[in-house]
Each structure stands twice: as structure tokens, then as C-alpha cells.
Amino acid sequence: MKTTEPRDVVVLAGDEALLGRPASVADLSAWQDRVAGTEVWADGGWGPMFAAPAVFVGPELALAELHATETARPLGILKMAVPGSSLTGDWHGQTTSDLLDRLVGKLRAVMHDGPVRVRGLIWYQGAADLTDNRKARVYDTWLGRMIARLRAAVGVPDLPVLTVVPPRQDGETAARTALRRALSRQGDGRFPIAAGAPVEDDGCLPAAGLASLGRRAGHLLLGLDGAVPGADRQRRWLWNDDRHQVWIEGPHLRPGAALVTFPFVSAGDGFNDPAYAQSLAVSRGLTSIHLRASRNDWFQTDSFAAMAQAIRAAIPNDTRLVTYGSSMGGFGALLFSGALRAERVIAIAPQVSIDRAVVPFENRWSRAAAEIGPFRHRLADHVARDGQKLILYDPLSDDAKHVALMPKDRGIAHLRLPFAAHHVGEYLAETNALEMLVQDVLGQGPKPRAILRRVRINRRRSKFYWQGRADALAARGHPMAEHAIARLEDLGSSDRKLRTLRETLNKTRGAPAAH
């Protein structure tokens, strides 16, 4: 059943407890009409729940019936139940062959197939981890890591997770108690739900228990509408290769305007980082398009043009786009602006390049610069000539040298923030000005003069402001450096930073460094 309406998707993952019980299509024929709007993901596509001569049916059947009763939306079930699997051995996401990677791949494929609302994960697992007291003791930690990796990998940071808690047993082992305690943890988008009955000898609930679990899980998930940020956001993946990922999300996917965000430099695999400004888009109910990079490549790949084309093709031709990013992401916001026909660009502390032949003064990101080499996609060739471009930077830092080398046009506005260094976004947040930058991002846009006034009023409470002042004053041996360092200490700067500043000040004054 091919549908263009966004599909609700529920993911079920775990071990044999979730697998269900075998039943023939004849036994289930009475259910066909009641779950006609539900399909199951298998072999790379959607198909009916009862496609085979014999199927295993778990809690998803009762969940599907409830969903059809409560809403007219189509439902998709992605189920991955692997008998004998262990959280600490098979689902942890630290090896290339583990089950979490397979689940992530399937869910990304689901999200690429068409627009979906990922309603939640039902996690029912633990039998294999009861065989080892050590595994049971660390189960809570590993489950938290697994959930975090799954959410990051598919770009759904608030994915609700229902953890099925087995019933207490008389004389139960310490390992079982630890497991139940871990699965009972609430908060951070985790919702424990009682299994309701003990499993039978084959490790699975009885049929009535499975049905009860499915109905209760369905009620819980439907009840989260409006209670969990982003629970009703539609999502669709537009691009996925080993270097870049792109997806669109929002209240609807054919908007009049959308925010396109680009990532800043990552300390590790960028695919494990939250999408830039995703929480902003969720909190403001904006439709947003997020690009992630696995490496700090400044988007210097063969896929640059194809990614831009995929983004533009996914939305109506008259959709207005605003590109937004910081540092490497600021470069990306400028670089993609022409191909995306962006109406506005907001670039925070961007670079013109990190190629040392172009910017010999630049000594940051040396490893990335060596890997990339000469830039094949230059701002001069790709920045939108029309539209507004707001560039925010510290005029006293090396970022100002980058801005001076950028292509000139009448649509560029500069917002200069002395002493912010490369921490412009954090500086804006500390001075309560970031809200002003984004409050009408898809409307009339930010008002630079008002932002600057807000920064000036509040900058003396900003750690980054005093850090920038202290760096500059200590380097010159200025008498006011001690005051700046003292203010920085009051605001909670690290001992290491304070010690470095005082050593610098002593050297520039010609005095020996304090020990």
C-alpha cells in the first residue's frame, strides 16, 4: 500500500520475548480489516502484516488495532526481534556487525522511503543479560548509551522509548533485580511499561499477554502527542552516504519557508552529533532541513551539487529557504546558498577556506586542511548573489581576516562582536541575544542593531566576553588585564585557563611567571 500521507512508525526491538507466537493467516483472517491501514517493513519495503503462510505475531497486532481505532493515519511497523541477543554483546553500537547498526540501517531506509512520524521504540529484551551478573549490573548504562546512539543516528533526538519491565519473581536473583531496575528507569524520554505476565518456557509472553502489552503500549504512545517535543514532527531522509546525511523534518514537509542548517566542526564522527539548531527548530515549530557530515570536510566532496539538488527537489519550488550555520557550518550556509536559491544566509564565524595557500594565517584545523587540500568548491563560485547575508564575527580575531577575503556584494551585513573570539554563538547565548537572532528567522529576519544593543547591555555577565578581553589585555601586558582575569574567575573559568592568562600577563610585563 503506497501512501503519500505521512505514516506513523513504531519500532519494536529486542529478543525472543518480542518475537511473538506463530499463527496462520487463516487464524488471523478476522484481523485483516481491523489492521488494513498497517504495514510491516520487510525486505526493503512495506508489505501487509500477514504476507506469509505463517507469521509470528507479537504485541504489534493489538497495537495496530488500537491505532486504527484511535486515528485514521496509516501505521508502519519496523520489528527486529533476535532470539538470544544480548544488549551488552549485540546491541551496543560499538562494532560494525552489531544489531543496532542493522536497526539503524532499516530505520533510515524507512525514513528515506517516504514521510514518517517516528512515534517510538518498544524495547523488550534482557534474558541473555541475566546469565552474567556483571552484564546485569551495567545494563542501565549500556541501555542509555544504546538509546542515545539510536536517537543520534536517525536524527530523532526525542525518540520516546518504552522499556518493557518483566514481573518480579519470588526469590529472584540479584541480576534480575538489577535488570528490572534498569528497565524501570523513567525520564529522558524513557517510559517503563510492565510486561504484565511472566514469559512462558519459550521465553515469550502468552498470546493474551502480548495483546495486552500491545494495547497498553499503543495507548502510551498515542498519549505522548503534545507531551514530548517533536513527537508529531514529520521526517524524511533526503541523502545518506558515508560522508553526509540530509533530512527534512517539521509540522509538514511542504512549507512556505524552511531553515537549512549546517554542522560545525566535530571532535569525532559527526554522524553521532545532534543536528545543528535542531532543538531550535523543534521549539519554534519550524520546518527544517539538516545536513550532517561524518568528517570535517568543509563540504569539499563530489556530492556537493547532488546534495543541493536533492534538498531543492524535496520542497516546493516557491519555498523560501534560510541557510544557517556556525564555523564550518557558516561556510556551508554561504556555500550552499546559491544552489539552494536561499533568500537569507546567517553565517556565524565562517571561514573563506582553510586551504593554507588561500589563508596562510590560519593555523586551526590543520589535520582537516591537510586531508582536504585545495578547495574545489569556493565561496566565490557558489554564494547566492541575491538575498540577504548576515555574517557575525569578532573583528579582533582571525575570523575577521576570513571575512575580509570573502566575495563582496551589497546584500552582506556585518555584525561585529569584539572579544567573542570564535565563540560567537555561545557569546550571543550568554548575552540573551541568540533568541533575537532566531526569533523571526523565517520571517523578516534578525535586526542586527537590536542584537548589538542587547549584547552591549548584557556582555559583562558573559564568560566569553571576559575571556576575550583577558586574552587581549594579557597579551599586551595592559594594567586592566588583572581586572578581566578576576571577572573571568568570578564567572567560573577553569583553573588551567586562569593560570595560562596569568603566566602570559607576567611574561608581557617582564616578570617571572608565578608558580
Protein backbone atom coordinates (compact mmCIF):
# COMPACT_ATOMS: atom_id res chain seq x y z
CA MET A 1 0.00 0.00 0.00
CA LYS A 2 1.85 3.08 -1.25
CA THR A 3 0.79 6.16 0.65
CA THR A 4 1.80 9.80 0.33
CA GLU A 5 0.28 10.63 3.72
CA PRO A 6 2.87 10.66 6.50
CA ARG A 7 2.98 7.27 8.12
CA ASP A 8 3.19 6.75 11.87
CA VAL A 9 6.08 4.35 12.53
CA VAL A 10 6.57 2.27 15.65
CA VAL A 11 9.82 0.36 16.11
CA LEU A 12 9.93 -2.88 18.11
CA ALA A 13 13.34 -4.29 19.02
CA GLY A 14 14.69 -6.89 21.40
CA ASP A 15 14.93 -10.66 21.85
CA GLU A 16 12.64 -13.70 21.78
CA ALA A 17 10.26 -12.08 24.27
CA LEU A 18 9.20 -9.72 21.47
CA LEU A 19 9.17 -12.26 18.67
CA GLY A 20 5.60 -13.40 19.29
CA ARG A 21 3.77 -16.63 18.58
CA PRO A 22 3.27 -18.45 15.30
CA ALA A 23 -0.17 -18.17 13.79
CA SER A 24 -1.50 -18.96 10.33
CA VAL A 25 -3.15 -16.42 8.08
CA ALA A 26 -6.37 -18.41 8.42
CA ASP A 27 -6.28 -17.91 12.17
CA LEU A 28 -5.79 -14.20 11.69
CA SER A 29 -8.18 -13.55 8.80
CA ALA A 30 -10.62 -11.86 11.15
CA TRP A 31 -7.99 -9.21 11.87
CA GLN A 32 -7.41 -8.19 8.24
CA ASP A 33 -9.97 -5.41 8.08
CA ARG A 34 -9.16 -4.15 11.55
CA VAL A 35 -5.50 -3.55 10.68
CA ALA A 36 -5.85 -2.79 6.97
CA GLY A 37 -4.03 0.52 7.39
CA THR A 38 -0.96 -1.13 8.92
CA GLU A 39 2.05 -2.44 7.04
CA VAL A 40 5.30 -4.08 8.12
CA TRP A 41 8.77 -3.18 6.83
CA ALA A 42 10.45 -6.24 5.33
CA ASP A 43 12.98 -6.84 2.57
CA GLY A 44 13.44 -3.12 1.94
CA GLY A 45 9.77 -2.17 1.57
CA TRP A 46 6.34 -2.05 3.10
CA GLY A 47 4.02 -5.05 2.97
CA PRO A 48 0.89 -6.38 4.66
CA MET A 49 1.12 -7.79 8.15
CA PHE A 50 0.09 -11.28 7.01
CA ALA A 51 2.07 -11.77 3.83
CA ALA A 52 3.43 -15.25 4.57
CA PRO A 53 1.65 -18.60 5.05
CA ALA A 54 2.72 -18.44 8.68
CA VAL A 55 3.82 -15.47 10.72
CA PHE A 56 4.97 -14.67 14.23
CA VAL A 57 2.64 -12.20 15.88
CA GLY A 58 3.72 -10.16 18.88
CA PRO A 59 2.29 -7.05 20.55
CA GLU A 60 2.21 -5.22 17.21
CA LEU A 61 -1.14 -6.76 16.23
CA ALA A 62 -3.10 -5.36 19.17
CA LEU A 63 -1.18 -2.10 18.88
CA ALA A 64 -2.19 -1.82 15.20
CA GLU A 65 -5.84 -2.48 16.01
CA LEU A 66 -5.82 0.22 18.69
CA HIS A 67 -4.09 2.67 16.35
CA ALA A 68 -6.72 2.07 13.66
CA THR A 69 -9.47 2.66 16.21
CA GLU A 70 -7.99 5.90 17.57
CA THR A 71 -6.65 7.52 14.39
CA ALA A 72 -7.07 7.37 10.63
CA ARG A 73 -3.34 7.71 9.99
CA PRO A 74 -1.52 4.83 8.29
CA LEU A 75 0.80 2.84 10.57
CA GLY A 76 4.11 1.19 9.82
CA ILE A 77 5.74 -1.46 11.99
CA LEU A 78 9.51 -1.96 11.96
CA LYS A 79 10.30 -5.04 14.03
CA MET A 80 13.66 -6.58 14.81
CA ALA A 81 13.44 -9.36 17.40
CA VAL A 82 16.54 -11.55 17.60
CA PRO A 83 16.31 -14.58 19.93
CA GLY A 84 19.21 -14.94 22.33
CA SER A 85 20.55 -11.45 21.67
CA SER A 86 22.29 -9.55 24.45
CA LEU A 87 22.33 -5.79 24.98
CA THR A 88 25.98 -5.73 26.06
CA GLY A 89 27.06 -8.21 23.39
CA ASP A 90 24.89 -7.46 20.36
CA TRP A 91 23.00 -4.15 20.60
CA HIS A 92 25.58 -1.70 21.95
CA GLY A 93 26.54 0.01 18.67
CA GLN A 94 30.31 -0.30 19.08
CA THR A 95 31.02 -2.92 16.40
CA THR A 96 30.24 -2.75 12.71
CA SER A 97 28.34 -6.05 12.75
CA ASP A 98 26.09 -5.47 15.73
CA LEU A 99 22.31 -5.41 15.74
CA LEU A 100 21.99 -1.71 16.49
CA ASP A 101 23.72 -0.89 13.20
CA ARG A 102 21.25 -3.11 11.39
CA LEU A 103 18.31 -1.48 13.13
CA VAL A 104 19.64 1.99 12.30
CA GLY A 105 20.03 0.99 8.65
CA LYS A 106 16.47 -0.29 8.48
CA LEU A 107 15.03 2.81 10.15
CA ARG A 108 16.99 5.13 7.86
CA ALA A 109 15.62 3.19 4.90
CA VAL A 110 12.10 3.59 6.28
CA MET A 111 12.64 7.34 6.64
CA HIS A 112 14.05 7.59 3.13
CA ASP A 113 11.08 5.73 1.63
CA GLY A 114 8.59 8.48 2.44
CA PRO A 115 7.47 10.96 5.08
CA VAL A 116 7.01 9.40 8.51
CA ARG A 117 6.37 10.27 12.12
CA VAL A 118 8.61 8.04 14.22
CA ARG A 119 6.35 7.54 17.22
CA GLY A 120 8.62 5.49 19.42
CA LEU A 121 10.66 2.39 20.18
CA ILE A 122 9.33 -0.54 22.19
CA TRP A 123 12.32 -2.30 23.77
CA TYR A 124 11.73 -5.80 25.16
CA GLN A 125 14.96 -7.64 25.89
CA GLY A 126 17.15 -8.90 28.71
CA ALA A 127 17.10 -12.69 29.04
CA ALA A 128 20.65 -13.16 27.71
CA ASP A 129 22.00 -10.47 30.05
CA LEU A 130 20.66 -12.31 33.10
CA THR A 131 23.24 -15.06 32.68
CA ASP A 132 26.05 -12.80 33.87
CA ASN A 133 25.88 -10.64 37.00
CA ARG A 134 28.36 -8.18 35.50
CA LYS A 135 26.19 -7.68 32.40
CA ALA A 136 23.13 -7.12 34.55
CA ARG A 137 24.91 -4.54 36.71
CA VAL A 138 25.96 -2.46 33.71
CA TYR A 139 22.69 -2.93 31.82
CA ASP A 140 21.35 0.52 32.74
CA THR A 141 24.48 2.28 31.49
CA TRP A 142 24.58 0.31 28.26
CA LEU A 143 20.88 0.82 27.60
CA GLY A 144 21.29 4.57 27.99
CA ARG A 145 24.18 4.53 25.53
CA MET A 146 22.25 2.42 23.05
CA ILE A 147 19.25 4.75 23.16
CA ALA A 148 21.47 7.83 22.72
CA ARG A 149 23.24 6.25 19.73
CA LEU A 150 19.98 5.26 18.08
CA ARG A 151 18.45 8.71 18.53
CA ALA A 152 21.54 10.43 17.16
CA ALA A 153 21.99 8.01 14.27
CA VAL A 154 18.49 8.57 12.88
CA GLY A 155 18.20 12.25 13.80
CA VAL A 156 15.29 11.84 16.25
CA PRO A 157 16.74 13.23 19.50
CA ASP A 158 13.48 12.99 21.45
CA LEU A 159 12.50 9.49 20.31
CA PRO A 160 10.26 8.02 23.06
CA VAL A 161 11.48 4.64 24.29
CA LEU A 162 9.10 2.24 26.02
CA THR A 163 11.07 -0.28 28.08
CA VAL A 164 9.18 -3.44 28.97
CA VAL A 165 9.74 -4.41 32.60
CA PRO A 166 9.45 -8.11 33.48
CA PRO A 167 7.44 -9.01 36.60
CA ARG A 168 9.13 -9.60 39.92
CA GLN A 169 9.74 -13.23 40.81
CA ASP A 170 9.80 -14.89 44.19
CA GLY A 171 13.42 -15.35 45.23
CA GLU A 172 14.67 -13.58 42.13
CA THR A 173 18.41 -13.21 41.56
CA ALA A 174 20.39 -10.04 42.04
CA ALA A 175 20.93 -9.95 38.28
CA ARG A 176 17.18 -9.94 37.59
CA THR A 177 16.63 -7.20 40.17
CA ALA A 178 19.32 -5.06 38.51
CA LEU A 179 17.77 -5.66 35.10
CA ARG A 180 14.29 -4.74 36.27
CA ARG A 181 15.64 -1.62 37.98
CA ALA A 182 17.34 -0.53 34.74
CA LEU A 183 14.24 -1.11 32.64
CA SER A 184 12.10 0.76 35.19
CA ARG A 185 14.10 3.97 34.89
CA GLN A 186 12.00 6.98 33.88
CA GLY A 187 12.98 10.32 32.40
CA ASP A 188 14.95 11.46 29.37
CA GLY A 189 12.24 10.13 27.09
CA ARG A 190 12.15 6.67 28.67
CA PHE A 191 8.79 5.23 29.71
CA PRO A 192 8.71 1.90 31.55
CA ILE A 193 5.76 -0.37 30.86
CA ALA A 194 5.03 -3.58 32.76
CA ALA A 195 5.16 -6.83 30.83
CA GLY A 196 2.08 -7.80 32.81
CA ALA A 197 2.73 -11.53 32.85
CA PRO A 198 5.71 -13.86 33.12
CA VAL A 199 7.12 -15.35 29.95
CA GLU A 200 6.49 -19.00 29.20
CA ASP A 201 9.12 -21.70 28.74
CA ASP A 202 9.99 -20.48 25.24
CA GLY A 203 10.86 -17.02 26.60
CA CYS A 204 7.78 -15.31 25.14
CA LEU A 205 4.62 -13.96 26.72
CA PRO A 206 1.38 -15.90 26.23
CA ALA A 207 -0.87 -14.65 23.43
CA ALA A 208 -3.15 -12.77 25.80
CA GLY A 209 -0.15 -11.12 27.44
CA LEU A 210 1.21 -9.99 24.07
CA ALA A 211 -2.14 -8.46 23.15
CA SER A 212 -2.38 -6.66 26.49
CA LEU A 213 1.14 -5.31 26.11
CA GLY A 214 0.39 -4.06 22.59
CA ARG A 215 -2.73 -2.21 23.67
CA ARG A 216 -1.04 -0.58 26.65
CA ALA A 217 1.97 0.44 24.57
CA GLY A 218 -0.31 1.89 21.91
CA HIS A 219 -2.24 3.95 24.46
CA LEU A 220 1.01 5.26 25.93
CA LEU A 221 2.47 6.26 22.55
CA LEU A 222 -0.72 7.98 21.38
CA GLY A 223 -0.87 9.81 24.70
CA LEU A 224 2.55 11.38 24.07
CA ASP A 225 1.20 13.68 21.33
CA GLY A 226 1.87 17.19 22.56
CA ALA A 227 3.71 15.92 25.64
CA VAL A 228 7.06 15.11 24.01
CA PRO A 229 8.83 17.82 21.96
CA GLY A 230 8.81 16.89 18.29
CA ALA A 231 6.68 13.77 18.75
CA ASP A 232 4.39 14.79 15.90
CA ARG A 233 7.13 16.05 13.55
CA GLN A 234 7.21 14.50 10.11
CA ARG A 235 10.59 13.41 8.83
CA ARG A 236 12.06 12.22 5.57
CA TRP A 237 15.66 11.43 4.75
CA LEU A 238 16.91 13.01 1.53
CA TRP A 239 20.55 11.91 1.42
CA ASN A 240 22.65 9.25 3.11
CA ASP A 241 26.18 8.23 2.20
CA ASP A 242 29.38 7.67 4.16
CA ARG A 243 30.21 11.40 4.23
CA HIS A 244 26.92 13.27 4.52
CA GLN A 245 23.34 12.89 5.70
CA VAL A 246 20.43 15.19 4.95
CA TRP A 247 16.85 15.06 6.14
CA ILE A 248 13.82 17.32 6.32
CA GLU A 249 11.51 17.50 9.33
CA GLY A 250 8.71 19.64 10.64
CA PRO A 251 4.98 20.01 11.22
CA HIS A 252 4.62 19.47 7.47
CA LEU A 253 7.10 18.88 4.67
CA ARG A 254 5.75 21.25 2.01
CA PRO A 255 6.30 24.54 3.83
CA GLY A 256 6.24 28.13 2.70
CA ALA A 257 9.63 28.60 4.37
CA ALA A 258 12.28 26.32 5.85
CA LEU A 259 15.53 26.60 7.78
CA VAL A 260 18.54 24.72 6.34
CA THR A 261 21.30 24.07 8.88
CA PHE A 262 24.92 23.03 8.52
CA PRO A 263 27.21 21.43 11.13
CA PHE A 264 30.19 22.94 12.87
CA VAL A 265 33.46 21.08 13.36
CA SER A 266 33.07 17.76 15.16
CA ALA A 267 35.52 16.23 17.60
CA GLY A 268 34.68 12.73 16.32
CA ASP A 269 32.20 11.14 13.95
CA GLY A 270 29.81 13.94 13.08
CA PHE A 271 27.01 11.46 12.45
CA ASN A 272 26.87 10.97 16.24
CA ASP A 273 26.33 14.69 16.86
CA PRO A 274 22.91 16.34 17.14
CA ALA A 275 21.93 18.26 14.04
CA TYR A 276 22.82 21.95 14.31
CA ALA A 277 19.90 24.09 15.57
CA GLN A 278 17.54 21.10 15.56
CA SER A 279 16.25 21.88 19.06
CA LEU A 280 15.64 25.48 17.95
CA ALA A 281 13.52 24.30 15.02
CA VAL A 282 11.55 21.90 17.22
CA SER A 283 10.85 24.50 19.90
CA ARG A 284 9.65 27.03 17.33
CA GLY A 285 7.67 24.57 15.21
CA LEU A 286 9.76 25.31 12.11
CA THR A 287 10.22 23.06 9.15
CA SER A 288 13.94 22.45 8.94
CA ILE A 289 16.44 20.65 6.75
CA HIS A 290 19.55 19.36 8.49
CA LEU A 291 22.86 18.35 6.95
CA ARG A 292 25.42 16.33 8.90
CA ALA A 293 29.00 15.47 7.95
CA SER A 294 30.85 12.43 9.25
CA ARG A 295 34.16 14.27 8.80
CA ASN A 296 35.29 17.88 8.92
CA ASP A 297 35.43 18.19 5.14
CA TRP A 298 34.03 21.71 4.62
CA PHE A 299 31.69 20.04 2.07
CA GLN A 300 34.52 19.58 -0.43
CA THR A 301 33.15 16.35 -1.90
CA ASP A 302 31.86 15.21 -5.29
CA SER A 303 28.34 15.03 -3.83
CA PHE A 304 28.03 18.77 -3.16
CA ALA A 305 25.88 19.60 -6.20
CA ALA A 306 23.78 16.45 -5.92
CA MET A 307 23.02 17.13 -2.24
CA ALA A 308 21.89 20.65 -3.03
CA GLN A 309 19.72 19.33 -5.85
CA ALA A 310 18.17 16.70 -3.55
CA ILE A 311 17.29 19.38 -0.99
CA ARG A 312 15.76 21.73 -3.53
CA ALA A 313 13.83 18.91 -5.23
CA ALA A 314 12.27 17.79 -1.92
CA ILE A 315 10.32 21.02 -1.36
CA PRO A 316 8.03 23.21 -3.45
CA ASN A 317 9.79 25.50 -5.88
CA ASP A 318 8.45 28.59 -4.14
CA THR A 319 9.56 27.56 -0.63
CA ARG A 320 11.73 30.27 0.86
CA LEU A 321 14.97 28.98 2.38
CA VAL A 322 17.21 30.41 5.08
CA THR A 323 20.64 28.79 5.46
CA TYR A 324 22.19 28.83 8.92
CA GLY A 325 25.43 27.58 10.44
CA SER A 326 28.45 28.31 12.59
CA SER A 327 32.18 27.94 11.80
CA MET A 328 32.38 25.15 9.19
CA GLY A 329 28.59 25.34 9.16
CA GLY A 330 28.75 29.08 8.48
CA PHE A 331 30.92 28.30 5.46
CA GLY A 332 28.33 25.70 4.43
CA ALA A 333 25.47 28.17 4.81
CA LEU A 334 27.25 30.51 2.39
CA LEU A 335 28.46 27.76 0.05
CA PHE A 336 25.05 26.17 -0.49
CA SER A 337 23.14 29.46 -0.68
CA GLY A 338 23.43 29.82 -4.46
CA ALA A 339 22.44 26.27 -5.40
CA LEU A 340 19.56 26.36 -2.90
CA ARG A 341 18.43 29.83 -4.04
CA ALA A 342 18.43 30.90 -0.39
CA GLU A 343 16.56 34.07 0.47
CA ARG A 344 18.76 34.68 3.52
CA VAL A 345 22.04 33.43 4.98
CA ILE A 346 23.04 33.60 8.64
CA ALA A 347 26.73 32.68 8.92
CA ILE A 348 28.36 32.72 12.36
CA ALA A 349 32.18 32.97 12.40
CA PRO A 350 32.59 31.39 8.94
CA GLN A 351 35.79 30.70 7.05
CA VAL A 352 36.51 31.63 3.45
CA SER A 353 38.69 28.50 3.21
CA ILE A 354 41.11 26.50 5.33
CA ASP A 355 43.49 25.90 2.41
CA ARG A 356 46.80 27.33 3.61
CA ALA A 357 47.52 28.65 0.12
CA VAL A 358 44.49 30.92 0.46
CA VAL A 359 44.64 31.66 4.20
CA PRO A 360 48.30 31.37 5.28
CA PHE A 361 47.46 32.99 8.64
CA GLU A 362 45.11 30.14 9.59
CA ASN A 363 46.60 27.55 11.97
CA ARG A 364 43.39 25.91 13.20
CA TRP A 365 42.03 22.64 11.78
CA SER A 366 45.42 21.62 10.39
CA ARG A 367 44.51 17.95 10.01
CA ALA A 368 41.35 18.74 8.07
CA ALA A 369 43.23 21.21 5.87
CA ALA A 370 45.85 18.57 5.01
CA GLU A 371 43.17 15.98 4.17
CA ILE A 372 41.11 18.35 2.01
CA GLY A 373 43.88 20.14 0.14
CA PRO A 374 42.86 22.87 -2.32
CA PHE A 375 39.15 23.68 -2.11
CA ARG A 376 37.25 22.56 -5.19
CA HIS A 377 34.04 24.35 -4.12
CA ARG A 378 34.84 28.00 -3.43
CA LEU A 379 32.58 30.64 -1.98
CA ALA A 380 33.35 32.95 -4.89
CA ASP A 381 31.69 30.46 -7.24
CA HIS A 382 28.66 29.47 -5.18
CA VAL A 383 27.41 32.21 -2.84
CA ALA A 384 23.95 33.50 -3.78
CA ARG A 385 24.24 36.89 -5.41
CA ASP A 386 20.70 37.80 -4.42
CA GLY A 387 19.25 37.77 -0.94
CA GLN A 388 20.45 38.91 2.46
CA LYS A 389 23.58 37.63 4.12
CA LEU A 390 24.31 38.32 7.78
CA ILE A 391 27.84 37.46 8.93
CA LEU A 392 28.59 37.53 12.66
CA TYR A 393 32.20 37.54 13.87
CA ASP A 394 34.77 39.03 16.21
CA PRO A 395 36.64 41.83 14.38
CA LEU A 396 39.68 41.27 16.64
CA SER A 397 40.08 37.57 15.74
CA ASP A 398 41.39 35.66 12.75
CA ASP A 399 37.77 35.21 11.69
CA ALA A 400 37.81 38.85 10.59
CA LYS A 401 40.65 38.04 8.19
CA HIS A 402 38.46 35.35 6.62
CA VAL A 403 35.54 37.75 6.25
CA ALA A 404 37.79 40.32 4.57
CA LEU A 405 38.61 37.77 1.85
CA MET A 406 35.00 36.81 1.12
CA PRO A 407 33.16 37.78 -2.06
CA LYS A 408 31.68 41.27 -1.83
CA ASP A 409 28.10 42.17 -2.63
CA ARG A 410 25.54 44.69 -1.45
CA GLY A 411 23.46 42.04 0.29
CA ILE A 412 26.04 41.40 3.01
CA ALA A 413 25.57 42.83 6.51
CA HIS A 414 28.25 42.52 9.19
CA LEU A 415 27.56 42.11 12.90
CA ARG A 416 30.88 42.65 14.69
CA LEU A 417 31.18 41.30 18.23
CA PRO A 418 34.54 42.21 19.80
CA PHE A 419 36.07 39.70 22.24
CA ALA A 420 33.74 36.87 21.21
CA ALA A 421 36.69 35.12 19.52
CA HIS A 422 35.41 32.00 17.73
CA HIS A 423 32.66 31.51 20.34
CA VAL A 424 30.14 33.87 18.76
CA GLY A 425 27.15 31.59 19.21
CA GLU A 426 27.93 30.95 22.87
CA TYR A 427 28.57 34.68 23.40
CA LEU A 428 25.15 35.51 21.92
CA ALA A 429 23.52 32.90 24.17
CA GLU A 430 25.23 34.27 27.31
CA THR A 431 24.09 37.81 26.49
CA ASN A 432 20.49 36.71 25.78
CA ALA A 433 20.89 37.84 22.18
CA LEU A 434 20.74 34.45 20.44
CA GLU A 435 16.97 34.49 20.87
CA MET A 436 16.85 37.76 18.94
CA LEU A 437 18.92 36.28 16.14
CA VAL A 438 16.48 33.43 15.56
CA GLN A 439 13.13 34.82 16.74
CA ASP A 440 11.94 35.71 13.21
CA VAL A 441 14.43 33.68 11.25
CA LEU A 442 11.90 32.64 8.58
CA GLY A 443 10.09 35.99 8.58
CA GLN A 444 11.63 39.44 8.36
CA GLY A 445 14.86 38.11 9.78
CA PRO A 446 17.13 39.33 12.56
CA LYS A 447 17.72 43.01 13.27
CA PRO A 448 21.49 43.45 13.72
CA ARG A 449 21.34 46.80 15.55
CA ALA A 450 18.89 45.48 18.12
CA ILE A 451 21.05 42.39 18.64
CA LEU A 452 24.14 44.55 19.14
CA ARG A 453 22.33 46.70 21.71
CA ARG A 454 21.29 43.60 23.64
CA VAL A 455 24.87 42.28 23.59
CA ARG A 456 26.28 45.55 24.89
CA ILE A 457 23.77 45.66 27.74
CA ASN A 458 24.48 42.08 28.88
CA ARG A 459 28.07 41.38 27.86
CA ARG A 460 29.55 41.94 31.31
CA ARG A 461 27.80 38.78 32.51
CA SER A 462 29.35 36.72 29.69
CA LYS A 463 32.30 34.45 30.42
CA PHE A 464 33.30 34.51 26.75
CA TYR A 465 33.40 38.31 26.72
CA TRP A 466 35.75 38.46 29.71
CA GLN A 467 37.82 35.60 28.33
CA GLY A 468 38.30 37.52 25.09
CA ARG A 469 39.16 40.73 26.95
CA ALA A 470 41.56 38.93 29.27
CA ASP A 471 43.34 37.24 26.34
CA ALA A 472 43.78 40.55 24.53
CA LEU A 473 44.82 42.57 27.59
CA ALA A 474 47.20 39.93 28.98
CA ALA A 475 48.94 39.64 25.61
CA ARG A 476 49.66 43.38 25.76
CA GLY A 477 50.54 43.50 29.46
CA HIS A 478 47.73 46.01 29.97
CA PRO A 479 47.02 47.19 33.54
CA MET A 480 43.33 46.24 33.18
CA ALA A 481 44.24 42.59 32.49
CA GLU A 482 44.10 41.68 36.19
CA HIS A 483 40.55 43.01 36.43
CA ALA A 484 39.47 40.99 33.41
CA ILE A 485 41.08 37.84 34.81
CA ALA A 486 39.35 38.39 38.16
CA ARG A 487 35.95 38.77 36.46
CA LEU A 488 36.63 35.62 34.49
CA GLU A 489 37.43 33.78 37.71
CA ASP A 490 34.16 35.01 39.25
CA LEU A 491 32.27 33.57 36.27
CA GLY A 492 33.76 30.10 36.77
CA SER A 493 36.59 29.83 34.27
CA SER A 494 38.86 26.81 34.61
CA ASP A 495 41.97 26.95 36.78
CA ARG A 496 44.06 25.99 33.77
CA LYS A 497 42.78 28.93 31.72
CA LEU A 498 43.32 31.36 34.59
CA ARG A 499 46.84 30.08 35.18
CA THR A 500 47.68 30.46 31.48
CA LEU A 501 46.39 34.02 31.44
CA ARG A 502 48.43 34.98 34.50
CA GLU A 503 51.56 33.41 33.03
CA THR A 504 51.02 35.36 29.82
CA LEU A 505 50.49 38.59 31.74
CA ASN A 506 53.64 38.08 33.81
CA LYS A 507 55.70 37.44 30.69
CA THR A 508 54.41 40.52 28.86
CA ARG A 509 55.15 42.62 31.95
CA GLY A 510 58.64 41.24 32.02
CA ALA A 511 58.17 39.48 35.38
CA PRO A 512 58.83 35.77 36.05
CA ALA A 513 55.79 33.51 35.86
CA ALA A 514 54.19 32.63 39.19
CA HIS A 515 54.42 29.03 40.34
